PDB file of N, CA and C in Angstrom:
ATOM      1  N   MET A   1      -0.463   3.318   9.298  1.00  0.00           N
ATOM      2  CA  MET A   1       0.498   4.094   8.536  1.00  0.00           C
ATOM      3  C   MET A   1      -0.185   5.359   8.038  1.00  0.00           C
ATOM      4  N   GLY A   2      -1.050   5.220   7.071  1.00  0.00           N
ATOM      5  CA  GLY A   2      -1.797   6.356   6.543  1.00  0.00           C
ATOM      6  C   GLY A   2      -0.944   7.307   5.725  1.00  0.00           C
ATOM      7  N   GLY A   3      -1.604   8.166   4.997  1.00  0.00           N
ATOM      8  CA  GLY A   3      -0.920   9.221   4.260  1.00  0.00           C
ATOM      9  C   GLY A   3      -0.125   8.728   3.076  1.00  0.00           C
ATOM     10  N   VAL A   4       0.991   9.394   2.836  1.00  0.00           N
ATOM     11  CA  VAL A   4       1.852   9.109   1.695  1.00  0.00           C
ATOM     12  C   VAL A   4       3.101   8.406   2.199  1.00  0.00           C
ATOM     13  N   THR A   5       3.448   7.307   1.565  1.00  0.00           N
ATOM     14  CA  THR A   5       4.642   6.555   1.942  1.00  0.00           C
ATOM     15  C   THR A   5       5.390   6.179   0.677  1.00  0.00           C
ATOM     16  N   ALA A   6       6.697   6.390   0.678  1.00  0.00           N
ATOM     17  CA  ALA A   6       7.531   6.016  -0.463  1.00  0.00           C
ATOM     18  C   ALA A   6       8.216   4.688  -0.153  1.00  0.00           C
ATOM     19  N   PHE A   7       8.226   3.800  -1.134  1.00  0.00           N
ATOM     20  CA  PHE A   7       8.860   2.493  -0.987  1.00  0.00           C
ATOM     21  C   PHE A   7       9.916   2.321  -2.068  1.00  0.00           C
ATOM     22  N   SER A   8      10.976   1.597  -1.748  1.00  0.00           N
ATOM     23  CA  SER A   8      11.904   1.177  -2.795  1.00  0.00           C
ATOM     24  C   SER A   8      11.257  -0.006  -3.514  1.00  0.00           C
ATOM     25  N   TRP A   9      11.641  -0.236  -4.751  1.00  0.00           N
ATOM     26  CA  TRP A   9      11.082  -1.373  -5.488  1.00  0.00           C
ATOM     27  C   TRP A   9      11.450  -2.687  -4.797  1.00  0.00           C
ATOM     28  N   ARG A  10      12.637  -2.745  -4.216  1.00  0.00           N
ATOM     29  CA  ARG A  10      13.068  -3.945  -3.493  1.00  0.00           C
ATOM     30  C   ARG A  10      12.105  -4.252  -2.349  1.00  0.00           C
ATOM     31  N   HIS A  11      11.666  -3.222  -1.630  1.00  0.00           N
ATOM     32  CA  HIS A  11      10.719  -3.441  -0.536  1.00  0.00           C
ATOM     33  C   HIS A  11       9.347  -3.857  -1.060  1.00  0.00           C
ATOM     34  N   ILE A  12       8.914  -3.262  -2.169  1.00  0.00           N
ATOM     35  CA  ILE A  12       7.631  -3.658  -2.778  1.00  0.00           C
ATOM     36  C   ILE A  12       7.674  -5.141  -3.138  1.00  0.00           C
ATOM     37  N   GLU A  13       8.769  -5.568  -3.757  1.00  0.00           N
ATOM     38  CA  GLU A  13       8.902  -6.985  -4.115  1.00  0.00           C
ATOM     39  C   GLU A  13       8.941  -7.869  -2.865  1.00  0.00           C
ATOM     40  N   THR A  14       9.647  -7.429  -1.840  1.00  0.00           N
ATOM     41  CA  THR A  14       9.772  -8.216  -0.613  1.00  0.00           C
ATOM     42  C   THR A  14       8.427  -8.452   0.053  1.00  0.00           C
ATOM     43  N   ILE A  15       7.575  -7.412   0.105  1.00  0.00           N
ATOM     44  CA  ILE A  15       6.275  -7.548   0.780  1.00  0.00           C
ATOM     45  C   ILE A  15       5.158  -7.948  -0.180  1.00  0.00           C
ATOM     46  N   ASN A  16       5.507  -8.190  -1.444  1.00  0.00           N
ATOM     47  CA  ASN A  16       4.535  -8.550  -2.485  1.00  0.00           C
ATOM     48  C   ASN A  16       3.505  -7.432  -2.677  1.00  0.00           C
ATOM     49  N   GLY A  17       3.972  -6.199  -2.617  1.00  0.00           N
ATOM     50  CA  GLY A  17       3.088  -5.048  -2.849  1.00  0.00           C
ATOM     51  C   GLY A  17       1.960  -4.977  -1.842  1.00  0.00           C
ATOM     52  N   ALA A  18       0.824  -4.499  -2.289  1.00  0.00           N
ATOM     53  CA  ALA A  18      -0.356  -4.347  -1.434  1.00  0.00           C
ATOM     54  C   ALA A  18      -1.370  -5.440  -1.757  1.00  0.00           C
ATOM     55  N   SER A  19      -2.232  -5.697  -0.803  1.00  0.00           N
ATOM     56  CA  SER A  19      -3.285  -6.695  -0.981  1.00  0.00           C
ATOM     57  C   SER A  19      -4.245  -6.287  -2.095  1.00  0.00           C
ATOM     58  N   ASN A  20      -4.788  -7.274  -2.778  1.00  0.00           N
ATOM     59  CA  ASN A  20      -5.816  -7.047  -3.796  1.00  0.00           C
ATOM     60  C   ASN A  20      -7.227  -7.149  -3.222  1.00  0.00           C
ATOM     61  N   LEU A  21      -7.347  -7.395  -1.923  1.00  0.00           N
ATOM     62  CA  LEU A  21      -8.653  -7.649  -1.313  1.00  0.00           C
ATOM     63  C   LEU A  21      -9.324  -6.410  -0.739  1.00  0.00           C
ATOM     64  N   PHE A  22      -8.596  -5.316  -0.619  1.00  0.00           N
ATOM     65  CA  PHE A  22      -9.170  -4.109  -0.030  1.00  0.00           C
ATOM     66  C   PHE A  22      -9.801  -3.241  -1.105  1.00  0.00           C
ATOM     67  N   TYR A  23     -10.879  -2.594  -0.745  1.00  0.00           N
ATOM     68  CA  TYR A  23     -11.506  -1.595  -1.613  1.00  0.00           C
ATOM     69  C   TYR A  23     -12.145  -0.564  -0.712  1.00  0.00           C
ATOM     70  N   GLY A  24     -12.512   0.556  -1.283  1.00  0.00           N
ATOM     71  CA  GLY A  24     -13.154   1.590  -0.481  1.00  0.00           C
ATOM     72  C   GLY A  24     -12.156   2.294   0.415  1.00  0.00           C
ATOM     73  N   TRP A  25     -12.622   2.730   1.564  1.00  0.00           N
ATOM     74  CA  TRP A  25     -11.829   3.559   2.458  1.00  0.00           C
ATOM     75  C   TRP A  25     -11.381   2.763   3.673  1.00  0.00           C
ATOM     76  N   GLY A  26     -10.088   2.774   3.929  1.00  0.00           N
ATOM     77  CA  GLY A  26      -9.570   2.263   5.180  1.00  0.00           C
ATOM     78  C   GLY A  26      -9.083   0.831   5.167  1.00  0.00           C
ATOM     79  N   GLY A  27      -8.022   0.610   5.923  1.00  0.00           N
ATOM     80  CA  GLY A  27      -7.510  -0.729   6.148  1.00  0.00           C
ATOM     81  C   GLY A  27      -6.287  -1.097   5.339  1.00  0.00           C
ATOM     82  N   GLU A  28      -6.216  -0.652   4.090  1.00  0.00           N
ATOM     83  CA  GLU A  28      -5.114  -1.075   3.228  1.00  0.00           C
ATOM     84  C   GLU A  28      -3.768  -0.595   3.760  1.00  0.00           C
ATOM     85  N   ASP A  29      -3.718   0.592   4.341  1.00  0.00           N
ATOM     86  CA  ASP A  29      -2.456   1.093   4.882  1.00  0.00           C
ATOM     87  C   ASP A  29      -2.048   0.319   6.138  1.00  0.00           C
ATOM     88  N   ASP A  30      -3.007  -0.067   6.945  1.00  0.00           N
ATOM     89  CA  ASP A  30      -2.700  -0.877   8.130  1.00  0.00           C
ATOM     90  C   ASP A  30      -2.189  -2.255   7.726  1.00  0.00           C
ATOM     91  N   GLU A  31      -2.749  -2.804   6.666  1.00  0.00           N
ATOM     92  CA  GLU A  31      -2.311  -4.110   6.169  1.00  0.00           C
ATOM     93  C   GLU A  31      -0.886  -4.012   5.626  1.00  0.00           C
ATOM     94  N   LEU A  32      -0.561  -2.911   4.946  1.00  0.00           N
ATOM     95  CA  LEU A  32       0.810  -2.692   4.479  1.00  0.00           C
ATOM     96  C   LEU A  32       1.775  -2.650   5.660  1.00  0.00           C
ATOM     97  N   ALA A  33       1.364  -1.993   6.741  1.00  0.00           N
ATOM     98  CA  ALA A  33       2.214  -1.908   7.935  1.00  0.00           C
ATOM     99  C   ALA A  33       2.507  -3.298   8.496  1.00  0.00           C
ATOM    100  N   VAL A  34       1.521  -4.185   8.477  1.00  0.00           N
ATOM    101  CA  VAL A  34       1.735  -5.560   8.955  1.00  0.00           C
ATOM    102  C   VAL A  34       2.711  -6.279   8.031  1.00  0.00           C
ATOM    103  N   ARG A  35       2.562  -6.116   6.719  1.00  0.00           N
ATOM    104  CA  ARG A  35       3.494  -6.741   5.768  1.00  0.00           C
ATOM    105  C   ARG A  35       4.923  -6.266   6.025  1.00  0.00           C
ATOM    106  N   LEU A  36       5.085  -4.966   6.253  1.00  0.00           N
ATOM    107  CA  LEU A  36       6.414  -4.426   6.544  1.00  0.00           C
ATOM    108  C   LEU A  36       6.968  -5.034   7.829  1.00  0.00           C
ATOM    109  N   GLN A  37       6.135  -5.091   8.858  1.00  0.00           N
ATOM    110  CA  GLN A  37       6.548  -5.639  10.144  1.00  0.00           C
ATOM    111  C   GLN A  37       6.947  -7.115  10.013  1.00  0.00           C
ATOM    112  N   LEU A  38       6.168  -7.890   9.283  1.00  0.00           N
ATOM    113  CA  LEU A  38       6.473  -9.311   9.092  1.00  0.00           C
ATOM    114  C   LEU A  38       7.814  -9.518   8.392  1.00  0.00           C
ATOM    115  N   ASN A  39       8.242  -8.523   7.610  1.00  0.00           N
ATOM    116  CA  ASN A  39       9.492  -8.624   6.858  1.00  0.00           C
ATOM    117  C   ASN A  39      10.606  -7.766   7.450  1.00  0.00           C
ATOM    118  N   ASN A  40      10.398  -7.289   8.684  1.00  0.00           N
ATOM    119  CA  ASN A  40      11.406  -6.488   9.395  1.00  0.00           C
ATOM    120  C   ASN A  40      11.859  -5.265   8.605  1.00  0.00           C
ATOM    121  N   ILE A  41      10.911  -4.602   7.954  1.00  0.00           N
ATOM    122  CA  ILE A  41      11.192  -3.371   7.215  1.00  0.00           C
ATOM    123  C   ILE A  41      10.627  -2.215   8.026  1.00  0.00           C
ATOM    124  N   THR A  42      11.474  -1.239   8.318  1.00  0.00           N
ATOM    125  CA  THR A  42      11.026  -0.092   9.105  1.00  0.00           C
ATOM    126  C   THR A  42      10.707   1.083   8.190  1.00  0.00           C
ATOM    127  N   VAL A  43       9.849   1.962   8.678  1.00  0.00           N
ATOM    128  CA  VAL A  43       9.464   3.166   7.943  1.00  0.00           C
ATOM    129  C   VAL A  43      10.075   4.360   8.658  1.00  0.00           C
ATOM    130  N   ASP A  44      10.833   5.158   7.936  1.00  0.00           N
ATOM    131  CA  ASP A  44      11.389   6.386   8.493  1.00  0.00           C
ATOM    132  C   ASP A  44      10.433   7.522   8.201  1.00  0.00           C
ATOM    133  N   ARG A  45      10.193   8.344   9.202  1.00  0.00           N
ATOM    134  CA  ARG A  45       9.296   9.484   9.037  1.00  0.00           C
ATOM    135  C   ARG A  45      10.073  10.765   9.295  1.00  0.00           C
ATOM    136  N   PRO A  46       9.854  11.780   8.452  1.00  0.00           N
ATOM    137  CA  PRO A  46      10.526  13.059   8.699  1.00  0.00           C
ATOM    138  C   PRO A  46       9.972  13.716   9.961  1.00  0.00           C
ATOM    139  N   SER A  47      10.788  14.520  10.588  1.00  0.00           N
ATOM    140  CA  SER A  47      10.331  15.210  11.797  1.00  0.00           C
ATOM    141  C   SER A  47       9.675  16.543  11.435  1.00  0.00           C
ATOM    142  N   GLY A  48       8.892  17.052  12.360  1.00  0.00           N
ATOM    143  CA  GLY A  48       8.270  18.361  12.165  1.00  0.00           C
ATOM    144  C   GLY A  48       7.234  18.360  11.067  1.00  0.00           C
ATOM    145  N   THR A  49       7.239  19.413  10.265  1.00  0.00           N
ATOM    146  CA  THR A  49       6.227  19.570   9.217  1.00  0.00           C
ATOM    147  C   THR A  49       6.690  19.053   7.862  1.00  0.00           C
ATOM    148  N   LYS A  50       7.908  18.571   7.753  1.00  0.00           N
ATOM    149  CA  LYS A  50       8.357  18.001   6.480  1.00  0.00           C
ATOM    150  C   LYS A  50       7.572  16.733   6.202  1.00  0.00           C
ATOM    151  N   GLY A  51       7.140  16.580   4.976  1.00  0.00           N
ATOM    152  CA  GLY A  51       6.416  15.376   4.601  1.00  0.00           C
ATOM    153  C   GLY A  51       4.961  15.362   5.030  1.00  0.00           C
ATOM    154  N   VAL A  52       4.411  16.518   5.402  1.00  0.00           N
ATOM    155  CA  VAL A  52       3.012  16.601   5.821  1.00  0.00           C
ATOM    156  C   VAL A  52       2.173  17.049   4.635  1.00  0.00           C
ATOM    157  N   PHE A  53       1.061  16.343   4.394  1.00  0.00           N
ATOM    158  CA  PHE A  53       0.178  16.645   3.278  1.00  0.00           C
ATOM    159  C   PHE A  53      -1.230  16.886   3.792  1.00  0.00           C
ATOM    160  N   ALA A  54      -1.949  17.751   3.097  1.00  0.00           N
ATOM    161  CA  ALA A  54      -3.368  17.944   3.406  1.00  0.00           C
ATOM    162  C   ALA A  54      -4.164  16.931   2.599  1.00  0.00           C
ATOM    163  N   GLU A  55      -5.238  16.423   3.176  1.00  0.00           N
ATOM    164  CA  GLU A  55      -6.092  15.482   2.458  1.00  0.00           C
ATOM    165  C   GLU A  55      -6.716  16.198   1.274  1.00  0.00           C
ATOM    166  N   PHE A  56      -6.700  15.547   0.110  1.00  0.00           N
ATOM    167  CA  PHE A  56      -7.131  16.209  -1.113  1.00  0.00           C
ATOM    168  C   PHE A  56      -8.629  16.443  -1.200  1.00  0.00           C
ATOM    169  N   ASP A  57      -9.441  15.575  -0.647  1.00  0.00           N
ATOM    170  CA  ASP A  57     -10.891  15.741  -0.775  1.00  0.00           C
ATOM    171  C   ASP A  57     -11.576  15.120   0.430  1.00  0.00           C
ATOM    172  N   ARG A  58     -11.958  15.933   1.348  1.00  0.00           N
ATOM    173  CA  ARG A  58     -12.586  15.427   2.570  1.00  0.00           C
ATOM    174  C   ARG A  58     -14.047  15.046   2.355  1.00  0.00           C
ATOM    175  N   ASN A  59     -14.618  15.355   1.216  1.00  0.00           N
ATOM    176  CA  ASN A  59     -16.048  15.144   1.002  1.00  0.00           C
ATOM    177  C   ASN A  59     -16.374  13.958   0.107  1.00  0.00           C
ATOM    178  N   HIS A  60     -15.375  13.193  -0.328  1.00  0.00           N
ATOM    179  CA  HIS A  60     -15.698  12.060  -1.192  1.00  0.00           C
ATOM    180  C   HIS A  60     -16.310  10.926  -0.360  1.00  0.00           C
ATOM    181  N   PRO A  61     -17.105  10.074  -1.004  1.00  0.00           N
ATOM    182  CA  PRO A  61     -17.733   8.967  -0.273  1.00  0.00           C
ATOM    183  C   PRO A  61     -16.668   8.039   0.307  1.00  0.00           C
ATOM    184  N   ARG A  62     -16.902   7.547   1.495  1.00  0.00           N
ATOM    185  CA  ARG A  62     -15.927   6.681   2.155  1.00  0.00           C
ATOM    186  C   ARG A  62     -16.541   5.318   2.443  1.00  0.00           C
ATOM    187  N   GLU A  63     -16.834   4.603   1.378  1.00  0.00           N
ATOM    188  CA  GLU A  63     -17.392   3.255   1.531  1.00  0.00           C
ATOM    189  C   GLU A  63     -16.339   2.363   2.179  1.00  0.00           C
ATOM    190  N   ARG A  64     -16.697   1.722   3.249  1.00  0.00           N
ATOM    191  CA  ARG A  64     -15.767   0.829   3.946  1.00  0.00           C
ATOM    192  C   ARG A  64     -16.043  -0.624   3.561  1.00  0.00           C
ATOM    193  N   ASN A  65     -14.970  -1.372   3.403  1.00  0.00           N
ATOM    194  CA  ASN A  65     -15.073  -2.798   3.146  1.00  0.00           C
ATOM    195  C   ASN A  65     -15.535  -3.461   4.443  1.00  0.00           C
ATOM    196  N   PRO A  66     -16.691  -4.104   4.460  1.00  0.00           N
ATOM    197  CA  PRO A  66     -17.185  -4.701   5.697  1.00  0.00           C
ATOM    198  C   PRO A  66     -16.287  -5.828   6.224  1.00  0.00           C
ATOM    199  N   GLN A  67     -15.415  -6.356   5.386  1.00  0.00           N
ATOM    200  CA  GLN A  67     -14.521  -7.442   5.803  1.00  0.00           C
ATOM    201  C   GLN A  67     -13.152  -6.935   6.255  1.00  0.00           C
ATOM    202  N   ARG A  68     -12.949  -5.613   6.281  1.00  0.00           N
ATOM    203  CA  ARG A  68     -11.605  -5.091   6.522  1.00  0.00           C
ATOM    204  C   ARG A  68     -11.031  -5.489   7.878  1.00  0.00           C
ATOM    205  N   LYS A  69     -11.852  -5.510   8.930  1.00  0.00           N
ATOM    206  CA  LYS A  69     -11.332  -5.877  10.259  1.00  0.00           C
ATOM    207  C   LYS A  69     -10.834  -7.318  10.266  1.00  0.00           C
ATOM    208  N   GLU A  70     -11.550  -8.195   9.606  1.00  0.00           N
ATOM    209  CA  GLU A  70     -11.119  -9.593   9.510  1.00  0.00           C
ATOM    210  C   GLU A  70      -9.842  -9.700   8.668  1.00  0.00           C
ATOM    211  N   LEU A  71      -9.784  -8.949   7.558  1.00  0.00           N
ATOM    212  CA  LEU A  71      -8.615  -8.975   6.686  1.00  0.00           C
ATOM    213  C   LEU A  71      -7.363  -8.469   7.390  1.00  0.00           C
ATOM    214  N   LEU A  72      -7.537  -7.598   8.390  1.00  0.00           N
ATOM    215  CA  LEU A  72      -6.402  -6.975   9.066  1.00  0.00           C
ATOM    216  C   LEU A  72      -5.810  -7.807  10.199  1.00  0.00           C
ATOM    217  N   LYS A  73      -6.429  -8.888  10.579  1.00  0.00           N
ATOM    218  CA  LYS A  73      -5.886  -9.695  11.668  1.00  0.00           C
ATOM    219  C   LYS A  73      -4.499 -10.198  11.278  1.00  0.00           C
ATOM    220  N   SER A  74      -3.526  -9.949  12.151  1.00  0.00           N
ATOM    221  CA  SER A  74      -2.126 -10.275  11.848  1.00  0.00           C
ATOM    222  C   SER A  74      -1.935 -11.715  11.410  1.00  0.00           C
ATOM    223  N   LYS A  75      -2.629 -12.637  12.038  1.00  0.00           N
ATOM    224  CA  LYS A  75      -2.494 -14.053  11.699  1.00  0.00           C
ATOM    225  C   LYS A  75      -2.953 -14.295  10.260  1.00  0.00           C
ATOM    226  N   ILE A  76      -4.016 -13.615   9.860  1.00  0.00           N
ATOM    227  CA  ILE A  76      -4.545 -13.780   8.504  1.00  0.00           C
ATOM    228  C   ILE A  76      -3.601 -13.145   7.485  1.00  0.00           C
ATOM    229  N   VAL A  77      -3.096 -11.946   7.785  1.00  0.00           N
ATOM    230  CA  VAL A  77      -2.137 -11.293   6.884  1.00  0.00           C
ATOM    231  C   VAL A  77      -0.894 -12.164   6.745  1.00  0.00           C
ATOM    232  N   ALA A  78      -0.410 -12.706   7.852  1.00  0.00           N
ATOM    233  CA  ALA A  78       0.797 -13.538   7.830  1.00  0.00           C
ATOM    234  C   ALA A  78       0.623 -14.773   6.956  1.00  0.00           C
ATOM    235  N   SER A  79      -0.581 -15.316   6.908  1.00  0.00           N
ATOM    236  CA  SER A  79      -0.809 -16.514   6.100  1.00  0.00           C
ATOM    237  C   SER A  79      -1.118 -16.190   4.642  1.00  0.00           C
ATOM    238  N   ARG A  80      -1.417 -14.919   4.342  1.00  0.00           N
ATOM    239  CA  ARG A  80      -1.906 -14.565   3.017  1.00  0.00           C
ATOM    240  C   ARG A  80      -0.953 -13.714   2.180  1.00  0.00           C
ATOM    241  N   TRP A  81      -0.063 -12.940   2.772  1.00  0.00           N
ATOM    242  CA  TRP A  81       0.643 -11.902   2.032  1.00  0.00           C
ATOM    243  C   TRP A  81       1.477 -12.413   0.858  1.00  0.00           C
ATOM    244  N   ARG A  82       2.014 -13.600   0.946  1.00  0.00           N
ATOM    245  CA  ARG A  82       2.833 -14.120  -0.163  1.00  0.00           C
ATOM    246  C   ARG A  82       1.988 -14.454  -1.396  1.00  0.00           C
ATOM    247  N   ASN A  83       0.686 -14.681  -1.200  1.00  0.00           N
ATOM    248  CA  ASN A  83      -0.199 -15.089  -2.293  1.00  0.00           C
ATOM    249  C   ASN A  83      -1.269 -14.060  -2.624  1.00  0.00           C
ATOM    250  N   ASP A  84      -1.118 -12.858  -2.123  1.00  0.00           N
ATOM    251  CA  ASP A  84      -2.097 -11.799  -2.370  1.00  0.00           C
ATOM    252  C   ASP A  84      -1.363 -10.476  -2.497  1.00  0.00           C
ATOM    253  N   GLY A  85      -1.075 -10.092  -3.734  1.00  0.00           N
ATOM    254  CA  GLY A  85      -0.344  -8.846  -3.926  1.00  0.00           C
ATOM    255  C   GLY A  85       0.032  -8.626  -5.375  1.00  0.00           C
ATOM    256  N   ILE A  86       1.146  -7.959  -5.557  1.00  0.00           N
ATOM    257  CA  ILE A  86       1.559  -7.559  -6.905  1.00  0.00           C
ATOM    258  C   ILE A  86       1.888  -8.767  -7.784  1.00  0.00           C
ATOM    259  N   ASN A  87       2.411  -9.835  -7.183  1.00  0.00           N
ATOM    260  CA  ASN A  87       2.743 -11.027  -7.981  1.00  0.00           C
ATOM    261  C   ASN A  87       1.514 -11.716  -8.553  1.00  0.00           C
ATOM    262  N   GLN A  88       0.356 -11.477  -7.965  1.00  0.00           N
ATOM    263  CA  GLN A  88      -0.879 -12.099  -8.433  1.00  0.00           C
ATOM    264  C   GLN A  88      -1.741 -11.129  -9.249  1.00  0.00           C
ATOM    265  N   THR A  89      -1.264  -9.922  -9.464  1.00  0.00           N
ATOM    266  CA  THR A  89      -2.030  -8.910 -10.191  1.00  0.00           C
ATOM    267  C   THR A  89      -1.701  -8.980 -11.675  1.00  0.00           C
ATOM    268  N   ARG A  90      -2.718  -9.053 -12.492  1.00  0.00           N
ATOM    269  CA  ARG A  90      -2.526  -9.059 -13.939  1.00  0.00           C
ATOM    270  C   ARG A  90      -2.753  -7.644 -14.449  1.00  0.00           C
ATOM    271  N   TYR A  91      -1.764  -7.115 -15.149  1.00  0.00           N
ATOM    272  CA  TYR A  91      -1.854  -5.741 -15.639  1.00  0.00           C
ATOM    273  C   TYR A  91      -1.032  -5.600 -16.914  1.00  0.00           C
ATOM    274  N   GLN A  92      -1.317  -4.528 -17.639  1.00  0.00           N
ATOM    275  CA  GLN A  92      -0.556  -4.199 -18.837  1.00  0.00           C
ATOM    276  C   GLN A  92       0.070  -2.834 -18.612  1.00  0.00           C
ATOM    277  N   LEU A  93       1.385  -2.747 -18.717  1.00  0.00           N
ATOM    278  CA  LEU A  93       2.093  -1.485 -18.565  1.00  0.00           C
ATOM    279  C   LEU A  93       1.841  -0.625 -19.796  1.00  0.00           C
ATOM    280  N   LEU A  94       1.241   0.544 -19.601  1.00  0.00           N
ATOM    281  CA  LEU A  94       0.935   1.445 -20.706  1.00  0.00           C
ATOM    282  C   LEU A  94       1.990   2.527 -20.879  1.00  0.00           C
ATOM    283  N   ASP A  95       2.551   2.993 -19.756  1.00  0.00           N
ATOM    284  CA  ASP A  95       3.551   4.058 -19.814  1.00  0.00           C
ATOM    285  C   ASP A  95       4.346   4.055 -18.519  1.00  0.00           C
ATOM    286  N   ARG A  96       5.603   4.435 -18.618  1.00  0.00           N
ATOM    287  CA  ARG A  96       6.470   4.546 -17.443  1.00  0.00           C
ATOM    288  C   ARG A  96       7.377   5.746 -17.634  1.00  0.00           C
ATOM    289  N   ARG A  97       7.473   6.565 -16.592  1.00  0.00           N
ATOM    290  CA  ARG A  97       8.346   7.738 -16.626  1.00  0.00           C
ATOM    291  C   ARG A  97       9.167   7.771 -15.344  1.00  0.00           C
ATOM    292  N   ASP A  98      10.472   7.776 -15.508  1.00  0.00           N
ATOM    293  CA  ASP A  98      11.376   7.802 -14.359  1.00  0.00           C
ATOM    294  C   ASP A  98      11.746   9.242 -14.026  1.00  0.00           C
ATOM    295  N   TYR A  99      11.496   9.623 -12.791  1.00  0.00           N
ATOM    296  CA  TYR A  99      11.854  10.941 -12.288  1.00  0.00           C
ATOM    297  C   TYR A  99      12.911  10.765 -11.205  1.00  0.00           C
ATOM    298  N   GLU A 100      13.495  11.863 -10.769  1.00  0.00           N
ATOM    299  CA  GLU A 100      14.557  11.793  -9.767  1.00  0.00           C
ATOM    300  C   GLU A 100      14.071  11.175  -8.455  1.00  0.00           C
ATOM    301  N   GLN A 101      12.893  11.543  -8.001  1.00  0.00           N
ATOM    302  CA  GLN A 101      12.391  11.103  -6.702  1.00  0.00           C
ATOM    303  C   GLN A 101      11.377   9.959  -6.770  1.00  0.00           C
ATOM    304  N   PHE A 102      10.868   9.657  -7.959  1.00  0.00           N
ATOM    305  CA  PHE A 102       9.832   8.632  -8.054  1.00  0.00           C
ATOM    306  C   PHE A 102       9.727   8.112  -9.482  1.00  0.00           C
ATOM    307  N   VAL A 103       8.974   7.048  -9.645  1.00  0.00           N
ATOM    308  CA  VAL A 103       8.654   6.490 -10.958  1.00  0.00           C
ATOM    309  C   VAL A 103       7.145   6.576 -11.128  1.00  0.00           C
ATOM    310  N   TRP A 104       6.700   7.147 -12.238  1.00  0.00           N
ATOM    311  CA  TRP A 104       5.275   7.267 -12.554  1.00  0.00           C
ATOM    312  C   TRP A 104       4.937   6.129 -13.504  1.00  0.00           C
ATOM    313  N   ILE A 105       3.921   5.349 -13.155  1.00  0.00           N
ATOM    314  CA  ILE A 105       3.531   4.191 -13.962  1.00  0.00           C
ATOM    315  C   ILE A 105       2.051   4.281 -14.282  1.00  0.00           C
ATOM    316  N   LEU A 106       1.712   4.072 -15.543  1.00  0.00           N
ATOM    317  CA  LEU A 106       0.317   3.988 -15.968  1.00  0.00           C
ATOM    318  C   LEU A 106       0.080   2.552 -16.417  1.00  0.00           C
ATOM    319  N   ALA A 107      -0.910   1.916 -15.809  1.00  0.00           N
ATOM    320  CA  ALA A 107      -1.183   0.510 -16.112  1.00  0.00           C
ATOM    321  C   ALA A 107      -2.671   0.285 -16.299  1.00  0.00           C
ATOM    322  N   ALA A 108      -3.009  -0.669 -17.145  1.00  0.00           N
ATOM    323  CA  ALA A 108      -4.395  -1.116 -17.304  1.00  0.00           C
ATOM    324  C   ALA A 108      -4.543  -2.402 -16.501  1.00  0.00           C
ATOM    325  N   ILE A 109      -5.579  -2.456 -15.656  1.00  0.00           N
ATOM    326  CA  ILE A 109      -5.791  -3.662 -14.852  1.00  0.00           C
ATOM    327  C   ILE A 109      -7.118  -4.305 -15.194  1.00  0.00           C
TER     328      ILE A 109
END
């Protein structure tokens, strides 16, 4: 998937958000794509240059999770996604602001 993707809250709940097992650079977006696929949720992409973003910082360290390839195996994602995500994340909501196109949330984890 990569880049910026907007989700409805219903879809976030359906796929149980994102995995809590990824850190560093890479893999988490591919795992989200598998969760979407497992739940028959499609991603619409704008055509042409609409929705295109430049990477904000090409020079930051890109530590890769050495377990990411194993975590990305479809069979493993299929067995894990219901028990690894937003439903298992403990957080405290500090602030929420609703905008026309998005919701901004500040949370302590």
